[in-house]
Amino acid sequence: MLSTLTTIQGLFLMDIMIGIGLSAMLFFSLREEYICPGAYDWFISIVLTTLGLVFLLGRGIIPLWSSISLGNGLVVLGSIYFWMAFRKYTKTYRKTDIYLTLIAPLVSLILLYCYWIEPENMAIRGEIVSFILALFSLASLYIALNHINKYETGRWLSVVSLIFNLVSYIYRGMSLHLGNHYPGLLEYNSASIALVFSTGISLLTAGFSIMLMTYQWLARRLYIHATYDALTGVYNRYALLEMSDTLELTTDLSKTKWCLAMVDIDLFKSINDMHGHPVGDLVLRHIAQTLKQSIRHNDILARYGGEEFAVVLPGANIENAKRWAERVRQLIASTPITIGKASISVSVSIGLSESSTAEYRLPDLVKNADSALYQAKQSGRNRVCCSEKNASSN
């Protein structure tokens, strides 16, 4: 009997040490500049769960009523914070969610009441706690699976952990409900074994999944910052240049032509000077959205710099590109931008260049398209011009 008791207590102590180690790791990671949404709540969740285990293990040292109410209450509160962390991570959190933390003190009061009216009936208290923990594990599992993709390894690890938790809590609750005798939390029985193992595995997998999700979130954020223009949401110049190798290889292998359009907003500096930079930003977003809606799914749109956009048109010859550019130019010129009660009209100049078997590198096409764009500007703006090397098509 003593050896089995020591085994259960040892497993509880192991869970506590795991919780302390993970809490320390998360504490130091939270001091970094970039942390993912929900990280603080995950840290609080593990700390609360670990404290709850300390109170549960302290039976015989602290009053039984405090172990029952505070220990289980803290574990339940940790489960609620774990659920809230997923809500924040998936951007589904609402300010009213914090009120659900009141469930934890309510559970503590119910357990105290059960202990007061029937102190020997430990099974009913275990059933209540198991039901609440299973409920929040199921809620967290639902959120974790919502819009998950196959590359989110951290979330998949959390899913595995939550499924294991859910099964363990249901098993513990059913064992207590159907069993004829429940000797106690720290004594050797199937319900206690289920609780101890599920808690330990949950802490380990939760800790690793949180760190992995944080890493993947940071990597995704850095990729977005490095690839997309923050103002317009289209590719930036760096991303376009990175894609050029693929474009050039495709052209070289297939010998198909493709065109590049350089689109520049006319008199953009005057717009900023007259209306202010916020209006200038609105114009940039409007032009980017118009271009985005006018291209095909395999075309590439990037903000090349300032008020200039680059559009790559794979498989298009100069005639097709010119027809497309004229449609875009006319659409932009005929669509005023509404600003409050006023509206302003903008126009664009577009320079086109076409690849050839002898010249297909993106920097060369940019140079040729820029020359055509300069010609469009010099000719009075709000027009489309082709590179001199494609002048026969102009």
Protein backbone atom coordinates (compact mmCIF):
# COMPACT_ATOMS: atom_id res chain seq x y z
CA MET A 1 0.00 0.00 0.00
CA LEU A 2 2.79 2.40 0.90
CA SER A 3 4.60 1.69 -2.38
CA THR A 4 1.51 2.35 -4.48
CA LEU A 5 0.80 5.54 -2.55
CA THR A 6 4.36 6.67 -3.07
CA THR A 7 4.02 5.87 -6.79
CA ILE A 8 0.98 8.14 -7.17
CA GLN A 9 2.60 10.92 -5.17
CA GLY A 10 5.78 10.54 -7.23
CA LEU A 11 3.84 10.87 -10.46
CA PHE A 12 2.08 13.96 -9.13
CA LEU A 13 5.46 15.41 -8.16
CA MET A 14 6.78 14.65 -11.64
CA ASP A 15 3.83 16.54 -13.16
CA ILE A 16 4.57 19.50 -10.89
CA MET A 17 8.24 19.55 -11.91
CA ILE A 18 7.22 19.45 -15.59
CA GLY A 19 4.86 22.36 -14.98
CA ILE A 20 7.55 24.39 -13.21
CA GLY A 21 10.06 23.75 -16.00
CA LEU A 22 7.59 24.73 -18.73
CA SER A 23 6.51 27.82 -16.78
CA ALA A 24 10.13 28.94 -16.53
CA MET A 25 10.73 28.38 -20.25
CA LEU A 26 7.60 30.29 -21.24
CA PHE A 27 8.41 33.09 -18.78
CA PHE A 28 11.76 33.76 -20.45
CA SER A 29 10.28 33.44 -23.95
CA LEU A 30 7.61 36.02 -23.07
CA ARG A 31 10.36 38.55 -22.47
CA GLU A 32 11.22 38.49 -26.17
CA GLU A 33 10.04 41.32 -28.40
CA TYR A 34 7.83 39.18 -30.63
CA ILE A 35 5.34 36.79 -29.07
CA CYS A 36 2.30 35.20 -30.64
CA PRO A 37 -1.29 36.02 -29.60
CA GLY A 38 -2.40 33.91 -26.63
CA ALA A 39 1.14 33.27 -25.33
CA TYR A 40 0.50 35.05 -22.02
CA ASP A 41 -2.68 33.04 -21.48
CA TRP A 42 -0.87 29.76 -22.18
CA PHE A 43 1.76 30.76 -19.63
CA ILE A 44 -0.94 31.58 -17.06
CA SER A 45 -2.69 28.29 -17.87
CA ILE A 46 0.40 26.19 -17.12
CA VAL A 47 1.21 28.18 -13.94
CA LEU A 48 -2.36 27.77 -12.63
CA THR A 49 -2.43 24.06 -13.45
CA THR A 50 0.92 23.54 -11.70
CA LEU A 51 -0.27 25.42 -8.59
CA GLY A 52 -3.44 23.34 -8.61
CA LEU A 53 -1.36 20.16 -8.61
CA VAL A 54 0.65 21.48 -5.66
CA PHE A 55 -2.55 21.95 -3.64
CA LEU A 56 -3.83 18.51 -4.67
CA LEU A 57 -0.55 16.86 -3.68
CA GLY A 58 -0.60 18.72 -0.36
CA ARG A 59 -3.40 16.61 1.10
CA GLY A 60 -2.39 15.56 4.55
CA ILE A 61 -0.23 18.68 4.92
CA ILE A 62 -2.88 21.34 4.28
CA PRO A 63 -6.56 21.11 5.26
CA LEU A 64 -8.51 18.76 3.00
CA TRP A 65 -11.13 21.39 2.16
CA SER A 66 -8.46 23.77 0.80
CA SER A 67 -6.91 21.01 -1.28
CA ILE A 68 -10.31 20.12 -2.73
CA SER A 69 -11.49 23.67 -3.46
CA LEU A 70 -8.25 25.47 -4.37
CA GLY A 71 -6.51 22.55 -6.09
CA ASN A 72 -9.39 21.64 -8.39
CA GLY A 73 -10.40 25.28 -8.84
CA LEU A 74 -6.93 26.24 -10.07
CA VAL A 75 -6.77 23.27 -12.46
CA VAL A 76 -10.18 24.24 -13.90
CA LEU A 77 -9.07 27.87 -14.20
CA GLY A 78 -5.93 26.72 -16.03
CA SER A 79 -8.11 24.82 -18.50
CA ILE A 80 -10.21 27.94 -19.10
CA TYR A 81 -7.12 30.05 -19.77
CA PHE A 82 -5.86 27.38 -22.19
CA TRP A 83 -9.14 27.73 -24.07
CA MET A 84 -8.88 31.53 -24.06
CA ALA A 85 -5.32 31.29 -25.39
CA PHE A 86 -6.55 29.38 -28.43
CA ARG A 87 -9.29 31.95 -28.91
CA LYS A 88 -6.67 34.71 -29.04
CA TYR A 89 -4.31 32.69 -31.23
CA THR A 90 -7.06 32.08 -33.80
CA LYS A 91 -8.36 35.70 -33.46
CA THR A 92 -11.81 34.58 -32.28
CA TYR A 93 -11.44 36.01 -28.77
CA ARG A 94 -14.14 38.33 -27.42
CA LYS A 95 -13.87 40.53 -24.36
CA THR A 96 -16.81 38.73 -22.74
CA ASP A 97 -14.82 35.45 -22.75
CA ILE A 98 -13.02 36.57 -19.58
CA TYR A 99 -16.26 36.14 -17.62
CA LEU A 100 -16.01 32.38 -18.11
CA THR A 101 -13.15 32.41 -15.58
CA LEU A 102 -15.90 32.82 -12.95
CA ILE A 103 -16.69 29.15 -13.55
CA ALA A 104 -13.54 28.20 -11.59
CA PRO A 105 -14.55 29.81 -8.24
CA LEU A 106 -18.08 28.49 -8.80
CA VAL A 107 -16.67 24.96 -9.14
CA SER A 108 -14.65 25.50 -5.94
CA LEU A 109 -17.80 26.51 -4.05
CA ILE A 110 -19.74 23.52 -5.40
CA LEU A 111 -16.95 21.17 -4.34
CA LEU A 112 -16.89 22.74 -0.88
CA TYR A 113 -20.64 22.29 -0.61
CA CYS A 114 -20.36 18.63 -1.67
CA TYR A 115 -17.58 18.13 0.87
CA TRP A 116 -19.66 19.78 3.60
CA ILE A 117 -22.83 17.72 3.06
CA GLU A 118 -21.14 14.41 2.19
CA PRO A 119 -17.40 14.46 3.03
CA GLU A 120 -16.89 10.75 2.31
CA ASN A 121 -18.31 10.89 -1.20
CA MET A 122 -15.14 11.74 -3.13
CA ALA A 123 -16.45 10.26 -6.38
CA ILE A 124 -19.07 12.97 -6.97
CA ARG A 125 -16.43 15.69 -6.62
CA GLY A 126 -14.18 13.90 -9.09
CA GLU A 127 -17.07 13.54 -11.56
CA ILE A 128 -17.81 17.27 -11.44
CA VAL A 129 -14.19 18.26 -12.06
CA SER A 130 -13.76 15.66 -14.82
CA PHE A 131 -16.89 16.90 -16.58
CA ILE A 132 -15.77 20.55 -16.50
CA LEU A 133 -12.24 19.70 -17.71
CA ALA A 134 -13.63 17.50 -20.50
CA LEU A 135 -15.96 20.33 -21.56
CA PHE A 136 -13.16 22.89 -21.91
CA SER A 137 -10.88 20.34 -23.58
CA LEU A 138 -13.60 19.78 -26.17
CA ALA A 139 -14.05 23.54 -26.63
CA SER A 140 -10.29 24.02 -27.08
CA LEU A 141 -10.17 21.10 -29.51
CA TYR A 142 -12.93 22.65 -31.62
CA ILE A 143 -11.05 25.95 -31.87
CA ALA A 144 -7.71 24.24 -32.55
CA LEU A 145 -9.22 22.32 -35.48
CA ASN A 146 -10.94 25.39 -36.93
CA HIS A 147 -9.21 26.48 -40.18
CA ILE A 148 -6.12 24.40 -39.40
CA ASN A 149 -3.81 23.50 -42.28
CA LYS A 150 -1.44 20.56 -42.67
CA TYR A 151 1.66 22.71 -42.14
CA GLU A 152 0.72 23.92 -38.64
CA THR A 153 2.64 21.26 -36.73
CA GLY A 154 2.25 23.05 -33.41
CA ARG A 155 -1.53 23.12 -33.63
CA TRP A 156 -1.66 19.47 -34.68
CA LEU A 157 0.40 18.57 -31.61
CA SER A 158 -2.09 20.51 -29.49
CA VAL A 159 -4.93 18.61 -31.15
CA VAL A 160 -3.33 15.29 -30.18
CA SER A 161 -2.86 16.52 -26.61
CA LEU A 162 -6.45 17.76 -26.34
CA ILE A 163 -7.88 14.51 -27.71
CA PHE A 164 -5.84 12.57 -25.14
CA ASN A 165 -7.07 14.91 -22.39
CA LEU A 166 -10.67 14.57 -23.49
CA VAL A 167 -10.52 10.77 -23.50
CA SER A 168 -8.75 10.70 -20.12
CA TYR A 169 -11.23 13.04 -18.43
CA ILE A 170 -14.19 11.13 -19.83
CA TYR A 171 -12.63 7.84 -18.71
CA ARG A 172 -11.99 9.22 -15.22
CA GLY A 173 -15.51 10.60 -14.94
CA MET A 174 -17.10 7.36 -16.10
CA SER A 175 -14.86 5.29 -13.82
CA LEU A 176 -15.94 7.36 -10.83
CA HIS A 177 -19.58 7.25 -11.86
CA LEU A 178 -19.70 3.49 -12.42
CA GLY A 179 -17.24 2.43 -9.73
CA ASN A 180 -18.43 1.11 -6.38
CA HIS A 181 -15.53 2.52 -4.42
CA TYR A 182 -13.16 5.48 -4.81
CA PRO A 183 -10.35 5.28 -2.24
CA GLY A 184 -8.98 8.82 -2.85
CA LEU A 185 -7.01 11.00 -5.23
CA LEU A 186 -3.55 10.03 -3.96
CA GLU A 187 -4.29 6.31 -3.67
CA TYR A 188 -3.71 3.75 -6.39
CA ASN A 189 -6.82 3.46 -8.60
CA SER A 190 -7.67 3.75 -12.27
CA ALA A 191 -9.28 7.18 -11.92
CA SER A 192 -6.22 8.68 -10.24
CA ILE A 193 -3.86 7.03 -12.73
CA ALA A 194 -5.91 8.52 -15.60
CA LEU A 195 -5.71 11.97 -14.04
CA VAL A 196 -1.97 11.85 -13.32
CA PHE A 197 -0.92 10.54 -16.73
CA SER A 198 -3.26 12.82 -18.68
CA THR A 199 -1.99 15.83 -16.74
CA GLY A 200 1.67 14.98 -17.29
CA ILE A 201 1.29 14.24 -20.98
CA SER A 202 -0.92 17.30 -21.38
CA LEU A 203 1.69 19.59 -19.81
CA LEU A 204 4.50 18.16 -21.93
CA THR A 205 2.66 18.26 -25.25
CA ALA A 206 1.10 21.64 -24.46
CA GLY A 207 4.50 23.11 -23.67
CA PHE A 208 6.10 21.82 -26.87
CA SER A 209 3.10 22.77 -29.00
CA ILE A 210 3.03 26.31 -27.56
CA MET A 211 6.71 26.82 -28.32
CA LEU A 212 6.28 25.33 -31.80
CA MET A 213 3.22 27.46 -32.53
CA THR A 214 5.10 30.55 -31.36
CA TYR A 215 8.01 29.71 -33.67
CA GLN A 216 5.72 29.04 -36.64
CA TRP A 217 3.73 32.21 -35.97
CA LEU A 218 6.94 34.25 -35.89
CA ALA A 219 8.25 32.58 -39.07
CA ARG A 220 4.95 33.27 -40.83
CA ARG A 221 4.99 36.89 -39.66
CA LEU A 222 8.56 37.41 -40.87
CA TYR A 223 7.67 35.84 -44.22
CA ILE A 224 4.70 38.19 -44.63
CA HIS A 225 6.79 41.25 -43.75
CA ALA A 226 9.52 40.15 -46.16
CA THR A 227 7.15 39.29 -49.01
CA TYR A 228 4.17 41.66 -48.92
CA ASP A 229 3.81 45.42 -48.95
CA ALA A 230 2.31 46.49 -45.62
CA LEU A 231 0.18 49.29 -47.08
CA THR A 232 -1.38 47.67 -50.15
CA GLY A 233 -1.17 43.96 -49.32
CA VAL A 234 0.39 43.03 -52.68
CA TYR A 235 3.88 41.62 -53.20
CA ASN A 236 6.80 43.95 -52.55
CA ARG A 237 9.84 44.57 -54.74
CA TYR A 238 11.96 42.02 -52.88
CA ALA A 239 9.40 39.27 -53.49
CA LEU A 240 9.18 40.12 -57.18
CA LEU A 241 12.95 39.92 -57.58
CA GLU A 242 12.97 36.60 -55.71
CA MET A 243 10.38 35.23 -58.16
CA SER A 244 12.37 36.39 -61.16
CA ASP A 245 14.56 33.27 -61.18
CA THR A 246 11.49 31.06 -61.59
CA LEU A 247 10.06 33.33 -64.28
CA GLU A 248 13.32 33.36 -66.21
CA LEU A 249 13.74 29.58 -65.94
CA THR A 250 10.18 29.02 -67.20
CA THR A 251 10.76 31.35 -70.15
CA ASP A 252 14.07 29.69 -70.99
CA LEU A 253 12.63 26.17 -70.91
CA SER A 254 9.33 26.78 -72.67
CA LYS A 255 10.48 29.62 -74.97
CA THR A 256 7.15 31.34 -74.26
CA LYS A 257 7.03 35.10 -74.04
CA TRP A 258 5.81 37.17 -71.12
CA CYS A 259 5.30 40.85 -70.59
CA LEU A 260 6.03 43.31 -67.83
CA ALA A 261 3.92 46.39 -67.13
CA MET A 262 5.20 49.26 -65.00
CA VAL A 263 2.24 51.26 -63.68
CA ASP A 264 2.87 54.72 -62.22
CA ILE A 265 0.29 57.03 -60.62
CA ASP A 266 0.27 60.41 -62.35
CA LEU A 267 1.04 63.52 -60.26
CA PHE A 268 1.07 61.49 -57.05
CA LYS A 269 3.25 64.03 -55.25
CA SER A 270 0.60 66.69 -55.92
CA ILE A 271 -2.04 64.42 -54.38
CA ASN A 272 0.05 64.08 -51.21
CA ASP A 273 0.75 67.83 -51.11
CA MET A 274 -2.88 68.89 -51.65
CA HIS A 275 -4.75 66.23 -49.69
CA GLY A 276 -2.19 64.82 -47.26
CA HIS A 277 -0.44 61.48 -46.94
CA PRO A 278 -3.48 59.57 -45.56
CA VAL A 279 -5.32 60.34 -48.82
CA GLY A 280 -2.20 59.36 -50.74
CA ASP A 281 -2.22 56.01 -48.93
CA LEU A 282 -5.89 55.59 -49.84
CA VAL A 283 -5.06 56.21 -53.50
CA LEU A 284 -2.28 53.62 -53.40
CA ARG A 285 -4.61 51.02 -51.90
CA HIS A 286 -7.28 51.85 -54.48
CA ILE A 287 -4.89 51.44 -57.42
CA ALA A 288 -3.50 48.21 -55.95
CA GLN A 289 -7.01 46.80 -55.51
CA THR A 290 -8.02 47.80 -59.04
CA LEU A 291 -4.93 46.13 -60.50
CA LYS A 292 -5.46 43.04 -58.37
CA GLN A 293 -9.02 42.65 -59.61
CA SER A 294 -7.95 43.06 -63.26
CA ILE A 295 -5.22 40.40 -63.44
CA ARG A 296 -5.40 36.65 -63.94
CA HIS A 297 -4.69 34.14 -61.19
CA ASN A 298 -1.20 33.39 -62.57
CA ASP A 299 -0.21 37.05 -63.05
CA ILE A 300 2.03 38.70 -60.48
CA LEU A 301 1.36 42.12 -58.97
CA ALA A 302 3.94 43.93 -56.83
CA ARG A 303 4.49 47.41 -55.48
CA TYR A 304 7.85 48.21 -57.01
CA GLY A 305 8.44 51.39 -55.05
CA GLY A 306 6.68 54.64 -54.10
CA GLU A 307 3.69 55.10 -56.44
CA GLU A 308 4.94 52.52 -58.97
CA PHE A 309 3.56 49.00 -59.44
CA ALA A 310 4.91 46.12 -61.52
CA VAL A 311 2.65 43.54 -63.18
CA VAL A 312 4.09 40.37 -64.70
CA LEU A 313 1.88 38.82 -67.40
CA PRO A 314 3.12 35.27 -68.15
CA GLY A 315 2.27 33.91 -71.59
CA ALA A 316 1.13 37.31 -72.90
CA ASN A 317 2.60 38.98 -75.98
CA ILE A 318 2.88 42.73 -76.36
CA GLU A 319 -0.49 43.04 -78.14
CA ASN A 320 -2.36 41.22 -75.36
CA ALA A 321 -0.51 43.23 -72.73
CA LYS A 322 -1.36 46.51 -74.44
CA ARG A 323 -5.08 45.65 -74.60
CA TRP A 324 -5.03 44.76 -70.90
CA ALA A 325 -3.15 47.95 -70.00
CA GLU A 326 -5.61 50.13 -71.91
CA ARG A 327 -8.56 48.56 -70.08
CA VAL A 328 -6.89 49.18 -66.73
CA ARG A 329 -5.92 52.76 -67.63
CA GLN A 330 -9.47 53.61 -68.72
CA LEU A 331 -11.00 51.95 -65.65
CA ILE A 332 -8.81 53.92 -63.25
CA ALA A 333 -9.34 57.21 -65.09
CA SER A 334 -13.13 56.77 -65.11
CA THR A 335 -13.45 55.75 -61.43
CA PRO A 336 -13.12 58.69 -59.01
CA ILE A 337 -11.99 57.90 -55.47
CA THR A 338 -14.49 58.99 -52.82
CA ILE A 339 -13.03 60.73 -49.78
CA GLY A 340 -15.74 61.69 -47.34
CA LYS A 341 -18.13 63.95 -49.27
CA ALA A 342 -15.55 64.76 -51.92
CA SER A 343 -13.92 62.73 -54.66
CA ILE A 344 -10.69 62.94 -56.60
CA SER A 345 -9.81 61.60 -60.02
CA VAL A 346 -6.52 59.88 -60.64
CA SER A 347 -4.85 58.47 -63.71
CA VAL A 348 -1.92 56.18 -64.41
CA SER A 349 0.77 55.91 -67.04
CA ILE A 350 1.85 52.41 -68.09
CA GLY A 351 5.06 51.23 -69.73
CA LEU A 352 5.24 47.77 -71.32
CA SER A 353 8.09 45.48 -72.30
CA GLU A 354 8.13 41.97 -73.74
CA SER A 355 10.58 39.13 -73.18
CA SER A 356 12.46 37.51 -76.02
CA THR A 357 14.66 34.47 -76.44
CA ALA A 358 17.72 36.69 -76.26
CA GLU A 359 16.56 38.90 -73.43
CA TYR A 360 14.29 37.62 -70.69
CA ARG A 361 15.89 38.67 -67.44
CA LEU A 362 13.58 40.68 -65.19
CA PRO A 363 16.03 43.60 -64.61
CA ASP A 364 16.30 44.03 -68.40
CA LEU A 365 12.52 44.05 -68.78
CA VAL A 366 12.17 46.54 -65.93
CA LYS A 367 14.68 48.82 -67.65
CA ASN A 368 12.80 48.60 -70.94
CA ALA A 369 9.40 49.08 -69.29
CA ASP A 370 10.72 52.08 -67.35
CA SER A 371 11.88 53.66 -70.61
CA ALA A 372 8.40 53.14 -72.04
CA LEU A 373 6.88 54.59 -68.86
CA TYR A 374 9.08 57.68 -69.19
CA GLN A 375 7.86 58.06 -72.76
CA ALA A 376 4.23 57.87 -71.54
CA LYS A 377 4.92 60.57 -68.97
CA GLN A 378 6.62 62.82 -71.51
CA SER A 379 3.75 62.36 -73.95
CA GLY A 380 1.21 63.86 -71.53
CA ARG A 381 0.55 61.09 -68.97
CA ASN A 382 -2.58 58.87 -68.70
CA ARG A 383 -1.47 56.66 -71.58
CA VAL A 384 0.15 53.33 -72.44
CA CYS A 385 3.48 53.08 -74.22
CA CYS A 386 5.55 50.07 -75.28
CA SER A 387 9.28 49.67 -75.16
CA GLU A 388 11.12 50.82 -78.29
CA LYS A 389 12.16 47.22 -78.84
CA ASN A 390 8.45 46.45 -79.24
CA ALA A 391 7.66 49.70 -81.09
CA SER A 392 6.31 47.88 -84.08
CA SER A 393 3.40 46.78 -81.90
CA ASN A 394 2.82 50.26 -80.41
